[in-house]
Each structure stands twice: as C-alpha cells, then as structure tokens.
C-alpha cells in the first residue's frame, strides 16, 4: 500500500472511532485493480469475495463471507437493492451461489465496461 492509502485509512479510523466503529485494513491483491472491483456487500454484514485472493481471516470477525470461484472474480462485483442484486452476466457458479443465498439476480452485459477495466460499482459511485 502506498503511504496516501495508509494515511487515508488513519484519517478514516480517527473519524469513525468516536462513533464506535473501527477500520480494518485489508490488503488489495496485486492482481486486482482495487478492492471494490473484486468484492461487494450484497447485504449488511455480508461480503462476496473470490477464493484465493484473500486470506481466510482477512475480513472482519463475524462477517458472513460468500466465497466465489477465483476464476469468476468479476462476478463478485454486485449492486444490491434489498434482496435484488445487479450482477454481471456470465458467471454461472457465482450466480448459483447467490441464488442459493436467496437473492434475486438481474444479470447485465458488462462486456464494454469491462473492456475499459470498469465494473458495476464503477458505474454507480
């Protein structure tokens, strides 16, 4: 991590501490563009992450982790609207896992956005 990332994490840590929150630093794997492109939170306390990209204990204790196959890493990037998720199309194993968790999925063709290193959350932030 570069120093501005560490400094940013420290500023956030100091800001949220009086509110009773903590900040946990999770290193971004070198083969990833950024953290948000390879993970998402489809529900409070729930995290979708690709297998082998993170250590088993990288995430906060008590988080409900949904591990998806590493080869479907792009499928980890979702946008939630209650129990409905926007997901990139073409990730059958990830879609199956999410449906088994009770989510309704709306798959979107992201081929043009992905060609420019973009993802669903890039379009929503």
N, C-alpha and C. Protein backbone atom coordinates (compact mmCIF):
# COMPACT_ATOMS: atom_id res chain seq x y z
N UNK A 1 0.83 -1.18 0.00
CA UNK A 1 0.00 0.00 0.00
C UNK A 1 0.87 1.24 0.00
N UNK A 2 0.49 2.22 -0.77
CA UNK A 2 1.27 3.46 -0.74
C UNK A 2 0.89 4.29 0.48
N UNK A 3 1.73 5.25 0.82
CA UNK A 3 1.53 5.99 2.06
C UNK A 3 0.22 6.76 2.09
N UNK A 4 -0.24 7.26 0.94
CA UNK A 4 -1.50 8.00 0.96
C UNK A 4 -2.66 7.08 1.34
N UNK A 5 -2.58 5.79 0.95
CA UNK A 5 -3.61 4.85 1.37
C UNK A 5 -3.58 4.64 2.88
N UNK A 6 -2.38 4.49 3.42
CA UNK A 6 -2.24 4.31 4.86
C UNK A 6 -2.70 5.56 5.61
N UNK A 7 -2.35 6.72 5.08
CA UNK A 7 -2.78 7.97 5.72
C UNK A 7 -4.29 8.12 5.64
N UNK A 8 -4.87 7.75 4.51
CA UNK A 8 -6.33 7.81 4.36
C UNK A 8 -7.03 6.88 5.33
N UNK A 9 -6.48 5.69 5.51
CA UNK A 9 -7.06 4.74 6.46
C UNK A 9 -6.98 5.29 7.88
N UNK A 10 -5.89 5.94 8.21
CA UNK A 10 -5.73 6.52 9.55
C UNK A 10 -6.73 7.66 9.77
N UNK A 11 -6.92 8.50 8.77
CA UNK A 11 -7.90 9.60 8.89
C UNK A 11 -9.29 9.02 9.09
N UNK A 12 -9.64 8.00 8.32
CA UNK A 12 -10.95 7.36 8.46
C UNK A 12 -11.08 6.73 9.85
N UNK A 13 -10.03 6.05 10.31
CA UNK A 13 -10.04 5.41 11.63
C UNK A 13 -10.32 6.45 12.72
N UNK A 14 -9.64 7.59 12.65
CA UNK A 14 -9.83 8.65 13.65
C UNK A 14 -11.23 9.26 13.57
N UNK A 15 -11.76 9.35 12.37
CA UNK A 15 -13.09 9.94 12.18
C UNK A 15 -14.19 9.05 12.75
N UNK A 16 -14.11 7.74 12.53
CA UNK A 16 -15.20 6.85 12.94
C UNK A 16 -15.06 6.33 14.37
N UNK A 17 -13.87 6.42 14.97
CA UNK A 17 -13.67 5.90 16.33
C UNK A 17 -14.66 6.49 17.33
N UNK A 18 -14.89 7.81 17.34
CA UNK A 18 -15.85 8.36 18.31
C UNK A 18 -17.29 7.88 18.08
N UNK A 19 -17.55 7.34 16.89
CA UNK A 19 -18.89 6.83 16.58
C UNK A 19 -19.03 5.35 16.92
N UNK A 20 -17.95 4.77 17.45
CA UNK A 20 -17.99 3.37 17.86
C UNK A 20 -17.63 2.38 16.75
N UNK A 21 -17.05 2.87 15.66
CA UNK A 21 -16.67 2.00 14.55
C UNK A 21 -15.16 1.82 14.51
N UNK A 22 -14.74 0.76 13.86
CA UNK A 22 -13.32 0.51 13.67
C UNK A 22 -13.04 0.35 12.17
N UNK A 23 -11.80 0.47 11.80
CA UNK A 23 -11.37 0.31 10.41
C UNK A 23 -10.40 -0.86 10.37
N UNK A 24 -10.68 -1.80 9.49
CA UNK A 24 -9.78 -2.93 9.31
C UNK A 24 -9.15 -2.81 7.93
N UNK A 25 -7.83 -2.76 7.90
CA UNK A 25 -7.12 -2.68 6.62
C UNK A 25 -7.04 -4.08 6.01
N UNK A 26 -7.45 -4.18 4.75
CA UNK A 26 -7.39 -5.43 4.02
C UNK A 26 -6.56 -5.17 2.76
N UNK A 27 -5.38 -5.75 2.68
CA UNK A 27 -4.53 -5.51 1.50
C UNK A 27 -5.20 -5.96 0.21
N UNK A 28 -5.07 -5.14 -0.82
CA UNK A 28 -5.61 -5.47 -2.14
C UNK A 28 -4.58 -6.33 -2.86
N UNK A 29 -5.00 -7.48 -3.37
CA UNK A 29 -4.05 -8.34 -4.09
C UNK A 29 -3.45 -7.60 -5.29
N UNK A 30 -2.20 -7.88 -5.61
CA UNK A 30 -1.55 -7.16 -6.71
C UNK A 30 -2.20 -7.39 -8.07
N UNK A 31 -2.97 -8.47 -8.22
CA UNK A 31 -3.63 -8.75 -9.50
C UNK A 31 -5.03 -8.13 -9.58
N UNK A 32 -5.35 -7.22 -8.66
CA UNK A 32 -6.66 -6.57 -8.67
C UNK A 32 -6.52 -5.07 -8.90
N UNK A 33 -7.48 -4.49 -9.58
CA UNK A 33 -7.46 -3.05 -9.82
C UNK A 33 -7.63 -2.30 -8.51
N UNK A 34 -8.67 -2.62 -7.76
CA UNK A 34 -8.89 -2.06 -6.44
C UNK A 34 -9.86 -2.96 -5.68
N UNK A 35 -9.97 -2.74 -4.39
CA UNK A 35 -10.75 -3.62 -3.51
C UNK A 35 -12.20 -3.76 -3.96
N UNK A 36 -12.84 -2.65 -4.28
CA UNK A 36 -14.26 -2.66 -4.62
C UNK A 36 -14.53 -3.40 -5.92
N UNK A 37 -13.53 -3.54 -6.78
CA UNK A 37 -13.76 -4.24 -8.04
C UNK A 37 -13.81 -5.76 -7.86
N UNK A 38 -13.33 -6.28 -6.73
CA UNK A 38 -13.29 -7.73 -6.54
C UNK A 38 -14.07 -8.20 -5.31
N UNK A 39 -14.78 -7.29 -4.68
CA UNK A 39 -15.64 -7.64 -3.55
C UNK A 39 -16.88 -6.76 -3.60
N UNK A 40 -17.90 -7.17 -2.88
CA UNK A 40 -19.06 -6.30 -2.68
C UNK A 40 -19.84 -6.80 -1.47
N UNK A 41 -20.75 -5.96 -1.02
CA UNK A 41 -21.58 -6.29 0.15
C UNK A 41 -23.04 -6.29 -0.28
N UNK A 42 -23.59 -7.47 -0.56
CA UNK A 42 -24.98 -7.54 -1.02
C UNK A 42 -26.01 -7.34 0.09
N UNK A 43 -25.56 -7.42 1.34
CA UNK A 43 -26.45 -7.22 2.48
C UNK A 43 -25.58 -6.80 3.67
N UNK A 44 -26.16 -6.16 4.66
CA UNK A 44 -25.37 -5.77 5.83
C UNK A 44 -24.62 -6.96 6.44
N UNK A 45 -23.32 -6.79 6.65
CA UNK A 45 -22.51 -7.83 7.27
C UNK A 45 -22.11 -8.96 6.34
N UNK A 46 -22.50 -8.90 5.07
CA UNK A 46 -22.22 -9.96 4.11
C UNK A 46 -21.22 -9.44 3.08
N UNK A 47 -20.23 -10.28 2.76
CA UNK A 47 -19.19 -9.89 1.80
C UNK A 47 -19.01 -11.00 0.78
N UNK A 48 -19.03 -10.62 -0.50
CA UNK A 48 -18.71 -11.55 -1.59
C UNK A 48 -17.25 -11.34 -1.93
N UNK A 49 -16.48 -12.43 -1.98
CA UNK A 49 -15.05 -12.33 -2.30
C UNK A 49 -14.60 -13.57 -3.05
N UNK A 50 -13.62 -13.41 -3.93
CA UNK A 50 -13.10 -14.55 -4.68
C UNK A 50 -12.14 -15.39 -3.84
N UNK A 51 -12.28 -16.70 -3.96
CA UNK A 51 -11.37 -17.62 -3.27
C UNK A 51 -9.94 -17.35 -3.74
N UNK A 52 -9.01 -17.55 -2.89
CA UNK A 52 -7.56 -17.43 -3.11
C UNK A 52 -7.06 -16.00 -3.23
N UNK A 53 -7.93 -15.01 -3.36
CA UNK A 53 -7.48 -13.62 -3.45
C UNK A 53 -7.17 -13.03 -2.07
N UNK A 54 -7.78 -13.60 -1.05
CA UNK A 54 -7.63 -13.09 0.32
C UNK A 54 -7.39 -14.25 1.27
N UNK A 55 -6.72 -13.96 2.37
CA UNK A 55 -6.57 -14.96 3.43
C UNK A 55 -7.94 -15.19 4.07
N UNK A 56 -8.14 -16.37 4.59
CA UNK A 56 -9.41 -16.72 5.23
C UNK A 56 -9.78 -15.75 6.35
N UNK A 57 -8.77 -15.20 7.04
CA UNK A 57 -9.03 -14.31 8.17
C UNK A 57 -8.86 -12.82 7.82
N UNK A 58 -8.88 -12.49 6.54
CA UNK A 58 -8.66 -11.10 6.12
C UNK A 58 -9.82 -10.18 6.45
N UNK A 59 -11.00 -10.73 6.56
CA UNK A 59 -12.19 -9.91 6.75
C UNK A 59 -12.58 -9.84 8.23
N UNK A 60 -13.41 -8.86 8.57
CA UNK A 60 -13.80 -8.70 9.98
C UNK A 60 -14.43 -9.97 10.57
N UNK A 61 -14.11 -10.21 11.81
CA UNK A 61 -14.69 -11.35 12.51
C UNK A 61 -16.21 -11.21 12.51
N UNK A 62 -16.89 -12.29 12.23
CA UNK A 62 -18.35 -12.28 12.23
C UNK A 62 -18.97 -11.94 10.88
N UNK A 63 -18.14 -11.54 9.90
CA UNK A 63 -18.69 -11.24 8.58
C UNK A 63 -19.22 -12.52 7.95
N UNK A 64 -20.33 -12.40 7.26
CA UNK A 64 -20.92 -13.53 6.53
C UNK A 64 -20.27 -13.54 5.15
N UNK A 65 -19.25 -14.38 4.98
CA UNK A 65 -18.49 -14.40 3.74
C UNK A 65 -19.10 -15.35 2.72
N UNK A 66 -19.21 -14.86 1.50
CA UNK A 66 -19.63 -15.69 0.37
C UNK A 66 -18.41 -15.80 -0.53
N UNK A 67 -17.78 -16.96 -0.51
CA UNK A 67 -16.61 -17.19 -1.34
C UNK A 67 -17.07 -17.69 -2.70
N UNK A 68 -16.59 -17.04 -3.75
CA UNK A 68 -16.92 -17.46 -5.10
C UNK A 68 -15.65 -17.97 -5.77
N UNK A 69 -15.78 -18.75 -6.85
CA UNK A 69 -14.57 -19.26 -7.51
C UNK A 69 -13.67 -18.13 -8.01
N UNK A 70 -12.37 -18.29 -7.85
CA UNK A 70 -11.41 -17.27 -8.26
C UNK A 70 -11.53 -16.93 -9.74
N UNK A 71 -11.87 -17.92 -10.56
CA UNK A 71 -11.98 -17.65 -11.99
C UNK A 71 -13.21 -16.80 -12.34
N UNK A 72 -14.09 -16.58 -11.37
CA UNK A 72 -15.26 -15.73 -11.57
C UNK A 72 -15.17 -14.44 -10.75
N UNK A 73 -13.95 -13.97 -10.52
CA UNK A 73 -13.71 -12.80 -9.68
C UNK A 73 -14.57 -11.60 -10.11
N UNK A 74 -14.74 -11.38 -11.40
CA UNK A 74 -15.53 -10.23 -11.86
C UNK A 74 -16.98 -10.33 -11.38
N UNK A 75 -17.45 -11.53 -11.15
CA UNK A 75 -18.81 -11.74 -10.65
C UNK A 75 -19.02 -11.32 -9.21
N UNK A 76 -17.93 -11.03 -8.48
CA UNK A 76 -18.05 -10.59 -7.09
C UNK A 76 -18.53 -9.15 -6.98
N UNK A 77 -18.46 -8.41 -8.06
CA UNK A 77 -18.84 -7.01 -8.05
C UNK A 77 -20.34 -6.90 -8.33
N UNK A 78 -21.11 -6.59 -7.30
CA UNK A 78 -22.57 -6.53 -7.40
C UNK A 78 -23.09 -5.22 -6.82
N UNK A 79 -24.33 -4.92 -7.15
CA UNK A 79 -25.01 -3.78 -6.54
C UNK A 79 -26.34 -4.29 -5.98
N UNK A 80 -26.58 -4.01 -4.72
CA UNK A 80 -27.78 -4.52 -4.05
C UNK A 80 -28.87 -3.47 -3.95
N UNK A 81 -30.08 -3.95 -4.15
CA UNK A 81 -31.31 -3.19 -3.91
C UNK A 81 -32.19 -4.10 -3.07
N UNK A 82 -31.98 -4.05 -1.76
CA UNK A 82 -32.69 -5.00 -0.90
C UNK A 82 -32.21 -6.41 -1.20
N UNK A 83 -33.14 -7.29 -1.54
CA UNK A 83 -32.83 -8.69 -1.84
C UNK A 83 -32.54 -8.91 -3.32
N UNK A 84 -32.55 -7.85 -4.10
CA UNK A 84 -32.29 -7.93 -5.53
C UNK A 84 -30.87 -7.44 -5.82
N UNK A 85 -30.15 -8.20 -6.63
CA UNK A 85 -28.78 -7.84 -6.97
C UNK A 85 -28.64 -7.62 -8.47
N UNK A 86 -27.97 -6.53 -8.84
CA UNK A 86 -27.47 -6.39 -10.20
C UNK A 86 -26.15 -7.12 -10.22
N UNK A 87 -25.98 -7.99 -11.20
CA UNK A 87 -24.75 -8.78 -11.32
C UNK A 87 -24.30 -8.77 -12.77
N UNK A 88 -23.00 -8.89 -13.01
CA UNK A 88 -22.55 -9.02 -14.39
C UNK A 88 -22.94 -10.40 -14.92
N UNK A 89 -23.38 -10.47 -16.17
CA UNK A 89 -23.76 -11.77 -16.73
C UNK A 89 -22.51 -12.59 -17.04
N UNK A 90 -22.72 -13.91 -17.07
CA UNK A 90 -21.64 -14.80 -17.49
C UNK A 90 -20.86 -15.46 -16.36
N UNK A 91 -21.39 -15.48 -15.15
CA UNK A 91 -20.68 -16.09 -14.02
C UNK A 91 -21.60 -17.09 -13.33
N UNK A 92 -21.82 -18.24 -13.98
CA UNK A 92 -22.84 -19.19 -13.52
C UNK A 92 -22.62 -19.72 -12.10
N UNK A 93 -21.41 -20.03 -11.73
CA UNK A 93 -21.17 -20.55 -10.38
C UNK A 93 -21.51 -19.48 -9.33
N UNK A 94 -21.09 -18.26 -9.58
CA UNK A 94 -21.38 -17.16 -8.66
C UNK A 94 -22.88 -16.91 -8.59
N UNK A 95 -23.54 -16.91 -9.73
CA UNK A 95 -25.00 -16.70 -9.75
C UNK A 95 -25.71 -17.79 -8.96
N UNK A 96 -25.26 -19.03 -9.12
CA UNK A 96 -25.87 -20.15 -8.38
C UNK A 96 -25.71 -19.95 -6.87
N UNK A 97 -24.51 -19.58 -6.46
CA UNK A 97 -24.24 -19.36 -5.04
C UNK A 97 -25.14 -18.25 -4.49
N UNK A 98 -25.27 -17.16 -5.23
CA UNK A 98 -26.08 -16.04 -4.76
C UNK A 98 -27.57 -16.39 -4.73
N UNK A 99 -28.04 -17.13 -5.73
CA UNK A 99 -29.45 -17.56 -5.71
C UNK A 99 -29.71 -18.48 -4.52
N UNK A 100 -28.76 -19.38 -4.23
CA UNK A 100 -28.91 -20.28 -3.08
C UNK A 100 -28.96 -19.51 -1.78
N UNK A 101 -28.37 -18.31 -1.76
CA UNK A 101 -28.43 -17.46 -0.57
C UNK A 101 -29.72 -16.63 -0.53
N UNK A 102 -30.58 -16.82 -1.53
CA UNK A 102 -31.89 -16.18 -1.52
C UNK A 102 -32.00 -14.88 -2.29
N UNK A 103 -30.99 -14.53 -3.05
CA UNK A 103 -31.04 -13.28 -3.81
C UNK A 103 -31.74 -13.48 -5.15
N UNK A 104 -32.44 -12.45 -5.59
CA UNK A 104 -32.98 -12.38 -6.94
C UNK A 104 -31.94 -11.63 -7.76
N UNK A 105 -31.55 -12.21 -8.90
CA UNK A 105 -30.49 -11.63 -9.70
C UNK A 105 -31.01 -11.01 -10.99
N UNK A 106 -30.41 -9.90 -11.37
CA UNK A 106 -30.64 -9.27 -12.66
C UNK A 106 -29.28 -9.13 -13.31
N UNK A 107 -29.00 -10.01 -14.28
CA UNK A 107 -27.69 -10.02 -14.94
C UNK A 107 -27.64 -8.97 -16.04
N UNK A 108 -26.52 -8.27 -16.10
CA UNK A 108 -26.32 -7.19 -17.06
C UNK A 108 -25.06 -7.49 -17.88
N UNK A 109 -25.15 -7.26 -19.19
CA UNK A 109 -23.99 -7.41 -20.06
C UNK A 109 -23.02 -6.27 -19.76
N UNK A 110 -21.85 -6.61 -19.27
CA UNK A 110 -20.84 -5.61 -18.89
C UNK A 110 -19.63 -5.65 -19.79
N UNK A 111 -19.72 -6.30 -20.95
CA UNK A 111 -18.55 -6.51 -21.80
C UNK A 111 -17.86 -5.21 -22.20
N UNK A 112 -18.61 -4.20 -22.57
CA UNK A 112 -17.99 -2.95 -23.00
C UNK A 112 -17.35 -2.20 -21.83
N UNK A 113 -18.01 -2.20 -20.69
CA UNK A 113 -17.46 -1.54 -19.50
C UNK A 113 -16.23 -2.30 -19.00
N UNK A 114 -16.31 -3.63 -19.03
CA UNK A 114 -15.19 -4.44 -18.57
C UNK A 114 -13.97 -4.23 -19.46
N UNK A 115 -14.18 -4.03 -20.75
CA UNK A 115 -13.06 -3.81 -21.68
C UNK A 115 -12.25 -2.58 -21.27
N UNK A 116 -12.86 -1.67 -20.56
CA UNK A 116 -12.17 -0.46 -20.09
C UNK A 116 -11.81 -0.56 -18.60
N UNK A 117 -11.73 -1.80 -18.08
CA UNK A 117 -11.42 -2.06 -16.67
C UNK A 117 -12.49 -1.53 -15.73
N UNK A 118 -13.72 -1.43 -16.17
CA UNK A 118 -14.80 -0.96 -15.33
C UNK A 118 -15.66 -2.10 -14.82
N UNK A 119 -16.49 -1.81 -13.84
CA UNK A 119 -17.40 -2.79 -13.27
C UNK A 119 -18.69 -2.11 -12.85
N UNK A 120 -19.63 -2.89 -12.33
CA UNK A 120 -20.91 -2.32 -11.90
C UNK A 120 -20.74 -1.18 -10.92
N UNK A 121 -19.92 -1.36 -9.91
CA UNK A 121 -19.78 -0.30 -8.91
C UNK A 121 -19.09 0.93 -9.47
N UNK A 122 -18.29 0.76 -10.50
CA UNK A 122 -17.69 1.93 -11.15
C UNK A 122 -18.79 2.83 -11.75
N UNK A 123 -19.87 2.21 -12.16
CA UNK A 123 -20.96 2.95 -12.80
C UNK A 123 -21.92 3.55 -11.78
N UNK A 124 -21.79 3.18 -10.53
CA UNK A 124 -22.78 3.59 -9.54
C UNK A 124 -22.26 4.56 -8.48
N UNK A 125 -20.96 4.76 -8.40
CA UNK A 125 -20.41 5.58 -7.35
C UNK A 125 -20.28 7.02 -7.81
